[in-house]
Protein backbone atom coordinates (compact mmCIF):
# COMPACT_ATOMS: atom_id res chain seq x y z
CA MET A 1 -8.91 -62.51 6.55
CA LYS A 2 -5.78 -61.49 4.75
CA LYS A 3 -5.46 -57.87 3.63
CA ASN A 4 -5.14 -57.27 -0.05
CA PRO A 5 -1.39 -56.63 -0.65
CA ILE A 6 -2.17 -54.22 -3.48
CA LEU A 7 -4.40 -52.12 -1.26
CA ARG A 8 -1.82 -52.23 1.49
CA THR A 9 0.87 -50.96 -0.96
CA LEU A 10 -1.41 -48.18 -2.19
CA ALA A 11 -2.17 -47.09 1.36
CA PHE A 12 1.51 -46.96 2.21
CA ALA A 13 2.21 -44.89 -0.89
CA MET A 14 -0.54 -42.42 0.02
CA ILE A 15 0.86 -42.03 3.53
CA LEU A 16 4.35 -41.48 2.12
CA ILE A 17 3.06 -38.82 -0.30
CA VAL A 18 1.29 -37.00 2.52
CA LEU A 19 4.40 -37.06 4.69
CA LEU A 20 6.66 -35.88 1.87
CA THR A 21 4.21 -33.15 0.88
CA GLY A 22 4.10 -31.92 4.46
CA CYS A 23 7.89 -31.83 4.67
CA ALA A 24 8.09 -29.95 1.38
CA THR A 25 5.49 -27.47 2.55
CA ARG A 26 7.36 -26.85 5.81
CA THR A 27 10.67 -26.49 3.93
CA GLN A 28 9.08 -24.03 1.52
CA ALA A 29 7.66 -22.03 4.42
CA VAL A 30 11.14 -21.82 5.97
CA GLN A 31 12.63 -20.75 2.64
CA GLU A 32 9.96 -18.08 2.17
CA THR A 33 10.61 -16.53 5.57
CA VAL A 34 12.10 -13.14 4.67
CA ILE A 35 13.84 -10.79 7.09
CA THR A 36 12.30 -7.35 6.61
CA GLU A 37 13.36 -5.46 9.73
CA VAL A 38 16.30 -4.90 12.03
CA THR A 39 16.77 -2.92 15.24
CA SER A 40 19.67 -0.54 15.79
CA SER A 41 20.96 1.80 18.45
CA VAL A 42 23.15 4.88 17.92
CA LYS A 43 26.92 4.70 18.08
CA GLU A 44 27.62 8.41 17.56
CA ILE A 45 25.98 11.73 16.70
CA GLN A 46 28.21 13.56 14.25
CA LYS A 47 28.94 17.27 14.06
CA TYR A 48 26.08 17.90 11.63
CA GLY A 49 23.49 15.86 13.55
CA ASN A 50 23.86 12.63 11.57
CA LEU A 51 23.20 9.40 13.49
CA VAL A 52 25.87 6.71 13.13
CA LEU A 53 24.10 3.38 13.64
CA THR A 54 25.40 0.28 15.40
CA ILE A 55 24.16 -2.05 12.65
CA GLU A 56 26.35 -2.64 9.60
CA LYS A 57 25.94 -3.14 5.87
CA LYS A 58 25.99 -6.93 6.35
CA ASP A 59 22.81 -6.65 8.42
CA LEU A 60 21.05 -5.02 5.48
CA ASP A 61 22.62 -7.49 3.06
CA ALA A 62 20.95 -10.27 5.05
CA MET A 63 17.62 -8.62 4.26
CA GLY A 64 18.41 -8.52 0.56
CA ALA A 65 18.57 -4.73 0.67
CA GLU A 66 20.01 -2.92 -2.36
CA TYR A 67 20.76 0.74 -3.05
CA GLY A 68 17.56 2.44 -4.09
CA ASP A 69 15.37 0.48 -1.67
CA VAL A 70 13.36 2.48 0.86
CA PHE A 71 13.26 1.86 4.62
CA THR A 72 10.68 2.95 7.16
CA VAL A 73 12.57 4.00 10.30
CA SER A 74 10.58 4.05 13.54
CA PHE A 75 11.80 5.73 16.74
CA GLN A 76 10.33 7.75 19.63
CA ASP A 77 6.75 7.50 18.27
CA THR A 78 8.01 8.83 14.93
CA GLU A 79 8.16 7.23 11.48
CA VAL A 80 10.30 8.49 8.63
CA TYR A 81 11.11 7.13 5.17
CA ALA A 82 14.74 6.80 4.15
CA PRO A 83 16.12 5.67 0.77
CA TYR A 84 19.16 3.42 1.11
CA CYS A 85 22.02 5.20 -0.70
CA THR A 86 25.75 5.81 -0.84
CA ASN A 87 25.93 9.62 -0.64
CA TYR A 88 24.05 12.40 1.14
CA SER A 89 23.48 14.03 -2.25
CA ASP A 90 21.65 10.92 -3.49
CA VAL A 91 18.53 12.60 -2.10
CA ASP A 92 17.21 16.14 -2.45
CA LEU A 93 18.25 18.87 -0.03
CA GLY A 94 16.33 18.49 3.21
CA SER A 95 15.45 14.84 2.54
CA ILE A 96 16.31 11.88 4.76
CA VAL A 97 18.83 9.27 3.66
CA LEU A 98 20.12 6.00 5.07
CA ARG A 99 23.71 6.20 3.90
CA ASN A 100 26.36 3.53 3.64
CA ASP A 101 29.64 5.45 3.58
CA GLY A 102 31.70 2.33 3.02
CA GLU A 103 32.34 1.69 6.69
CA THR A 104 29.25 2.66 8.66
CA LEU A 105 25.52 3.18 8.23
CA ILE A 106 24.37 6.75 8.84
CA LEU A 107 20.85 8.14 9.16
CA ALA A 108 20.91 11.78 8.08
CA ILE A 109 19.18 14.69 6.40
CA ASN A 110 20.95 15.96 3.29
CA MET A 111 22.17 19.45 4.19
CA GLY A 112 20.25 19.12 7.45
CA ASP A 113 20.47 18.16 11.12
CA PHE A 114 18.64 14.90 11.88
CA ALA A 115 19.31 14.86 15.64
CA THR A 116 17.93 18.35 16.18
CA THR A 117 15.06 18.09 13.70
CA TYR A 118 13.68 14.97 15.40
CA SER A 119 14.54 15.98 18.99
CA ILE A 120 17.05 13.16 19.43
CA ALA A 121 19.38 15.56 21.22
CA GLU A 122 20.13 19.26 21.53
CA LYS A 123 23.35 20.68 20.14
CA VAL A 124 25.00 23.18 22.46
CA SER A 125 27.72 25.35 20.91
CA ASN A 126 30.49 26.95 22.94
CA PRO A 127 32.07 30.36 22.28
CA ASP A 128 35.18 28.63 20.90
CA LYS A 129 33.03 26.98 18.17
CA THR A 130 33.20 23.52 19.82
CA TYR A 131 29.96 21.72 20.67
CA LYS A 132 28.34 18.87 22.57
CA TRP A 133 25.05 16.97 22.38
CA ILE A 134 22.64 17.12 25.33
CA PHE A 135 19.98 14.42 25.83
CA GLU A 136 16.67 14.46 27.64
CA GLU A 137 17.14 14.14 31.40
CA GLY A 138 17.75 10.56 32.44
CA LYS A 139 18.60 9.40 28.92
CA THR A 140 21.82 8.64 27.12
CA MET A 141 22.72 7.93 23.52
CA GLU A 142 22.49 4.21 24.27
CA ASP A 143 18.77 4.61 24.98
CA ILE A 144 18.02 5.59 21.38
CA SER A 145 16.47 2.64 19.55
CA LEU A 146 15.46 2.56 15.90
CA LEU A 147 13.51 -0.07 13.98
CA LEU A 148 14.40 -0.23 10.28
CA THR A 149 11.82 -1.96 8.07
CA LEU A 150 12.35 -2.59 4.36
CA THR A 151 9.09 -1.31 2.90
CA GLY A 152 9.94 -0.09 -0.61
CA LYS A 153 11.89 -2.57 -2.67
CA GLY A 154 13.50 -0.67 -5.57
CA GLU A 155 11.21 2.37 -5.15
CA TYR A 156 14.10 4.85 -5.27
CA ARG A 157 16.33 2.92 -7.66
CA ASP A 158 15.93 5.25 -10.68
CA GLU A 159 16.58 8.37 -8.61
CA TRP A 160 19.62 6.76 -7.00
CA LEU A 161 21.08 5.92 -10.41
CA ILE A 162 20.62 9.53 -11.57
CA HIS A 163 22.46 10.81 -8.50
CA GLN A 164 25.50 8.59 -8.94
CA LEU A 165 28.48 10.84 -9.36
CA SER A 166 32.07 9.68 -9.47
CA ARG A 167 35.17 11.77 -8.89
CA THR A 168 38.83 11.14 -8.19
CA ASP A 169 41.28 13.00 -6.01
CA ASN A 170 44.13 12.64 -8.51
CA ARG A 171 45.42 15.83 -10.08
CA GLU A 172 46.20 14.10 -13.40
CA ASP A 173 42.50 13.40 -13.93
CA TYR A 174 41.72 17.13 -14.24
CA SER A 175 42.43 19.67 -16.96
CA SER A 176 44.02 22.29 -14.69
CA ASP A 177 44.99 23.12 -11.12
CA ALA A 178 41.93 25.39 -10.94
CA ALA A 179 39.53 22.65 -12.02
CA PHE A 180 41.12 20.21 -9.57
CA ALA A 181 40.88 22.71 -6.69
CA ASN A 182 37.40 23.84 -7.81
CA PHE A 183 38.85 27.36 -7.73
CA ARG A 184 37.30 30.11 -9.81
CA GLU A 185 36.38 33.76 -9.90
CA ILE A 186 32.69 34.61 -9.65
CA LYS A 187 31.95 37.03 -12.48
CA GLY A 188 28.94 38.94 -13.74
CA GLY A 189 26.38 41.43 -12.56
CA LYS A 190 27.94 44.25 -10.56
CA ILE A 191 30.82 42.20 -9.16
CA GLY A 192 34.15 43.92 -9.75
CA GLU A 193 37.04 42.36 -11.62
CA GLY A 194 39.08 40.06 -9.40
CA ALA A 195 36.82 40.74 -6.42
CA LEU A 196 35.22 37.42 -5.47
CA PHE A 197 36.46 33.83 -5.64
CA ARG A 198 35.31 30.42 -4.45
CA SER A 199 37.28 27.26 -3.86
CA SER A 200 37.78 23.95 -2.14
CA SER A 201 39.76 24.23 1.08
CA PRO A 202 43.25 25.76 0.76
CA ILE A 203 44.10 24.57 4.31
CA ASN A 204 42.38 21.20 4.93
CA ASN A 205 44.11 18.62 2.74
CA GLU A 206 41.74 15.68 3.28
CA ILE A 207 40.82 15.66 -0.42
CA GLY A 208 44.35 16.42 -1.59
CA ARG A 209 43.71 19.87 -3.02
CA ALA A 210 44.95 22.30 -0.37
CA LYS A 211 48.35 23.17 -1.87
CA TYR A 212 46.82 23.79 -5.31
CA ALA A 213 44.10 26.01 -3.86
CA ASP A 214 46.65 27.87 -1.72
CA ALA A 215 48.82 28.64 -4.75
CA LEU A 216 45.78 30.02 -6.61
CA VAL A 217 44.76 32.08 -3.57
CA LYS A 218 48.22 33.66 -3.58
CA GLU A 219 48.27 34.11 -7.36
CA ASN A 220 44.98 36.04 -7.25
CA GLY A 221 46.03 38.23 -4.33
CA ILE A 222 43.28 37.13 -1.95
CA ARG A 223 43.26 39.33 1.14
CA THR A 224 40.20 38.18 3.08
CA VAL A 225 38.85 34.65 3.55
CA MET A 226 35.50 33.33 4.74
CA ASN A 227 36.13 29.74 5.90
CA LEU A 228 32.74 28.12 6.31
CA ALA A 229 33.97 24.68 7.36
CA ASP A 230 36.58 24.96 10.10
CA SER A 231 37.16 26.26 13.58
CA GLU A 232 40.38 28.08 14.48
CA GLU A 233 41.50 24.93 16.32
CA SER A 234 41.00 22.88 13.15
CA ILE A 235 43.05 25.32 11.11
CA LEU A 236 45.89 25.16 13.62
CA SER A 237 45.77 21.36 13.52
CA TYR A 238 46.07 21.36 9.72
CA MET A 239 49.11 23.62 9.97
CA GLU A 240 50.81 21.09 12.25
CA LYS A 241 50.37 18.12 9.88
CA GLU A 242 53.22 16.64 7.89
CA ASP A 243 51.48 17.24 4.56
CA PHE A 244 50.87 20.94 5.29
CA ALA A 245 51.78 22.99 2.21
CA SER A 246 49.67 26.16 2.42
CA PRO A 247 51.98 28.94 3.63
CA TYR A 248 50.05 31.81 2.03
CA TYR A 249 46.76 30.82 3.68
CA ALA A 250 48.59 30.41 6.99
CA SER A 251 49.90 33.98 6.70
CA LEU A 252 46.36 35.30 6.11
CA PHE A 253 45.12 33.37 9.13
CA GLU A 254 47.92 34.62 11.35
CA ASN A 255 47.20 38.21 10.23
CA GLY A 256 43.55 37.92 11.25
CA ASP A 257 42.25 37.94 7.68
CA VAL A 258 40.45 34.58 7.91
CA ILE A 259 37.19 34.09 9.76
CA ALA A 260 36.66 30.48 10.84
CA LEU A 261 32.93 29.78 11.15
CA ASN A 262 32.79 25.97 11.63
CA MET A 263 29.32 25.87 10.06
CA GLY A 264 27.01 22.93 9.53
CA VAL A 265 25.52 22.28 6.13
CA SER A 266 21.82 22.99 6.73
CA PHE A 267 21.21 26.50 5.39
CA LYS A 268 17.70 26.51 6.82
CA THR A 269 18.87 26.52 10.45
CA ARG A 270 19.25 29.61 12.60
CA GLU A 271 22.77 28.50 13.50
CA PHE A 272 23.83 28.45 9.84
CA GLN A 273 22.22 31.80 9.14
CA ALA A 274 23.72 33.46 12.23
CA SER A 275 27.19 32.26 11.22
CA LEU A 276 26.57 33.39 7.63
CA SER A 277 25.64 36.86 8.88
CA GLU A 278 28.77 36.94 11.02
CA GLY A 279 30.99 35.91 8.11
CA LEU A 280 29.53 38.39 5.63
CA THR A 281 29.79 41.17 8.20
CA PHE A 282 33.48 40.27 8.46
CA LEU A 283 33.86 40.57 4.67
CA ALA A 284 32.16 43.96 4.74
CA SER A 285 34.76 45.19 7.24
CA LYS A 286 37.74 43.99 5.20
CA GLU A 287 39.33 44.71 1.85
CA GLY A 288 39.15 42.31 -1.09
CA PRO A 289 39.82 40.29 -3.09
CA TYR A 290 37.67 37.79 -1.18
CA LEU A 291 37.60 34.02 -1.03
CA VAL A 292 34.66 31.88 0.15
CA HIS A 293 35.39 28.22 0.78
CA CYS A 294 34.30 25.15 2.75
CA THR A 295 35.91 21.72 2.29
CA GLU A 296 34.97 20.77 -1.26
CA GLY A 297 33.70 24.23 -2.19
CA LYS A 298 30.38 22.64 -3.13
CA ASP A 299 27.58 22.93 -0.56
CA ARG A 300 28.21 25.65 2.03
CA ALA A 301 30.37 27.59 -0.42
CA GLY A 302 27.78 26.88 -3.10
CA PHE A 303 24.98 28.44 -1.05
CA THR A 304 27.07 31.45 -0.02
CA SER A 305 28.33 32.05 -3.56
CA ALA A 306 24.80 31.83 -4.94
CA LEU A 307 23.58 34.31 -2.33
CA LEU A 308 26.35 36.82 -3.08
CA SER A 309 25.89 36.34 -6.83
CA ALA A 310 22.18 37.08 -6.51
CA LEU A 311 22.89 40.10 -4.30
CA MET A 312 25.23 41.50 -6.95
CA GLY A 313 22.79 41.11 -9.82
CA LEU A 314 23.74 37.89 -11.58
CA THR A 315 20.84 36.28 -13.43
CA TYR A 316 19.28 32.99 -12.46
CA GLN A 317 20.99 31.24 -15.36
CA GLU A 318 24.40 32.72 -14.50
CA ILE A 319 24.10 31.56 -10.89
CA VAL A 320 23.07 28.08 -12.00
CA GLU A 321 25.98 27.80 -14.43
CA ASP A 322 28.49 28.88 -11.79
CA TYR A 323 27.13 26.39 -9.26
CA MET A 324 27.07 23.54 -11.76
CA THR A 325 30.68 24.21 -12.76
CA THR A 326 31.61 22.44 -9.51
CA TYR A 327 29.91 19.28 -10.73
CA GLU A 328 31.52 19.60 -14.12
CA ASN A 329 34.90 20.01 -12.38
CA TYR A 330 34.54 17.24 -9.83
CA TYR A 331 32.34 14.70 -11.59
CA HIS A 332 32.76 15.57 -15.26
CA ILE A 333 29.01 15.53 -15.79
CA GLU A 334 27.85 16.95 -19.08
CA LYS A 335 25.75 20.07 -19.27
CA GLY A 336 22.17 19.21 -20.18
CA SER A 337 22.53 15.54 -19.28
CA GLU A 338 20.03 13.70 -17.10
CA GLN A 339 22.44 13.83 -14.15
CA TYR A 340 23.08 17.55 -14.70
CA GLU A 341 19.37 18.38 -14.60
CA ALA A 342 18.82 16.18 -11.52
CA VAL A 343 21.58 17.95 -9.56
CA LYS A 344 20.40 21.38 -10.69
CA LYS A 345 16.87 20.73 -9.51
CA SER A 346 17.90 19.09 -6.27
CA ASN A 347 20.58 21.57 -5.20
CA ILE A 348 20.89 25.05 -6.67
CA ASP A 349 17.19 25.46 -7.46
CA SER A 350 16.39 24.52 -3.86
CA MET A 351 18.95 26.98 -2.52
CA LEU A 352 17.68 29.87 -4.61
CA SER A 353 14.06 29.01 -3.84
CA PHE A 354 14.86 29.26 -0.14
CA ILE A 355 16.69 32.57 -0.54
CA ALA A 356 13.95 34.12 -2.70
CA SER A 357 10.97 32.45 -0.95
CA VAL A 358 9.43 31.37 -4.26
CA GLU A 359 8.85 28.10 -6.08
CA SER A 360 11.71 27.05 -8.33
CA ASP A 361 9.69 27.59 -11.51
CA LYS A 362 9.39 31.29 -10.60
CA LEU A 363 13.11 31.94 -10.03
CA SER A 364 13.73 33.45 -13.45
CA GLN A 365 10.82 35.84 -12.94
CA VAL A 366 11.79 37.52 -9.65
CA ASP A 367 14.35 40.18 -8.73
CA LEU A 368 16.97 37.93 -7.15
CA SER A 369 19.10 40.89 -6.07
CA LEU A 370 16.24 42.35 -4.05
CA LYS A 371 15.36 38.92 -2.63
CA ALA A 372 18.98 38.31 -1.59
CA GLU A 373 19.16 41.66 0.20
CA GLU A 374 15.89 40.94 2.00
CA PHE A 375 17.29 37.58 3.03
CA LEU A 376 20.45 39.14 4.48
CA LEU A 377 18.43 41.63 6.51
CA ALA A 378 16.17 38.83 7.73
CA ILE A 379 19.12 36.82 9.08
CA GLY A 380 20.41 39.76 11.10
CA MET A 381 22.66 41.92 8.94
CA GLU A 382 22.36 45.70 9.22
CA GLU A 383 21.36 47.77 6.18
CA GLU A 384 24.60 49.74 6.33
CA THR A 385 26.64 46.53 6.50
CA VAL A 386 24.86 45.12 3.46
CA ARG A 387 25.49 48.37 1.61
CA LYS A 388 29.19 48.22 2.51
CA LEU A 389 29.42 44.58 1.44
CA LYS A 390 27.92 45.39 -1.96
CA GLU A 391 30.27 48.37 -2.32
CA ASN A 392 33.32 46.20 -1.58
CA LEU A 393 32.24 43.45 -3.97
CA ALA A 394 31.73 46.01 -6.75
CA LYS A 395 35.35 47.23 -6.61
CA ASN A 396 37.82 46.30 -9.32
CA TYR A 397 40.92 44.69 -7.83
CA ARG A 398 42.85 44.28 -11.06
C-alpha cells in the first residue's frame, strides 16, 4: 500500500523542525556559556607587598569584566573580595583592590601590605633599608596560585565612580608653583610661624615636580627634612639623573640634614610606626624649619602631617582642610562635593581614627593633641623626645 504523500511530507517537516530546534538549542547553550573565572600566578611582589599577577587586562576583558565589578580571589585556603579598579585609592584605606595600572594587574591593600597580611611571603629588611621577600621553605613565588572569580557584577560601580580623580603633571594646569608641587606650610594650633611644611618630593622627579619643590624648600629656609619615601641609595640615584635640578635639597642631604626612611604606605604596620618614630626623633634633634615629604606628599606625608598637626593642637576641621588641600591641588575637586566627602571619609578620617583610637564620628569630640602624644609614646618615642619635638615645632622661624 502506498504511503500518503501528504503524511510523508508532514512527517519530514516535523523531523526537520526537531533537528533545527536541537541545533538552535545547542547553539544557544554555547552562546550562553560565560567565562566567570581565571587562574593566575604571581610575577612579582612589589616593595609595599602588592602582588603583580601574570594575567592581563585582556583576560578580564574576555570575562566581560568592567571597573566596579567585584572578584572573589581564592588562594592558600583563603578567600578575599576585591573590587576591580584603576587606582589604589578607589577603595578605602586597608581595603583590598584588584588594580589595573594600565600595564599590569595588581592585587593589593590600599595603604597596606597584601603579601605580609596574607602570609604570602615575609619581608626582611636590611640595615641599609633594602629588602627581600622570603617564602615558606620549599616554595617559590611561582608556586603561588590564585583563582579569580567574577562574583559581583557592577556591585562597586557607584563607589568606583566617586573615587575617580584626574590630575595632570603639567605645570600650566596649576595656579602656582606651590599648588603644582603640593607645597605648603602647616599652620594653626601651637605651631610656630614658618616651622613646619609638607610637599611632594623635591628630589624624585618621577611626577615632574622636584625642581619646583626644591626652589620652595630653599625659599622657605628649610633646614631639616623627613623623607618618608626614599632610601639614601635612591636619593643618590636621583642626583645622578640627567633631569636632576634640586641643588638645595642635595646640599641638605650631603650635610646630614635629611633622614631617608624608605617607608611603606601602611600606617598600621610596626615597620611604618618604627620608621615614623625614628624620623620624628631625628626632627626633635635638629633645628627647623622642617619639611615632611614622600613622593606625592599625599599618603605617608598626609598621615605624618595629620599626626603632627594633632600633636600641636590643630582642630579636627583644620586637619581635615589641610589634608584635603592636596586633593584640591592635584585633582581640583570642589570642597563639599560628593568626591570630596568620599575622599575625606576614606582617607583622613581613617587616619585620625587610627591615631586617636575612636570611631570617626567621635573625632571632633576628643582631645586630638593628647591622643597624638599617646600614639607617639605607644610607637616607641621617649617622653623627653616628644617634649623636645613639640618645643621645636612651636618656635617661630620668621
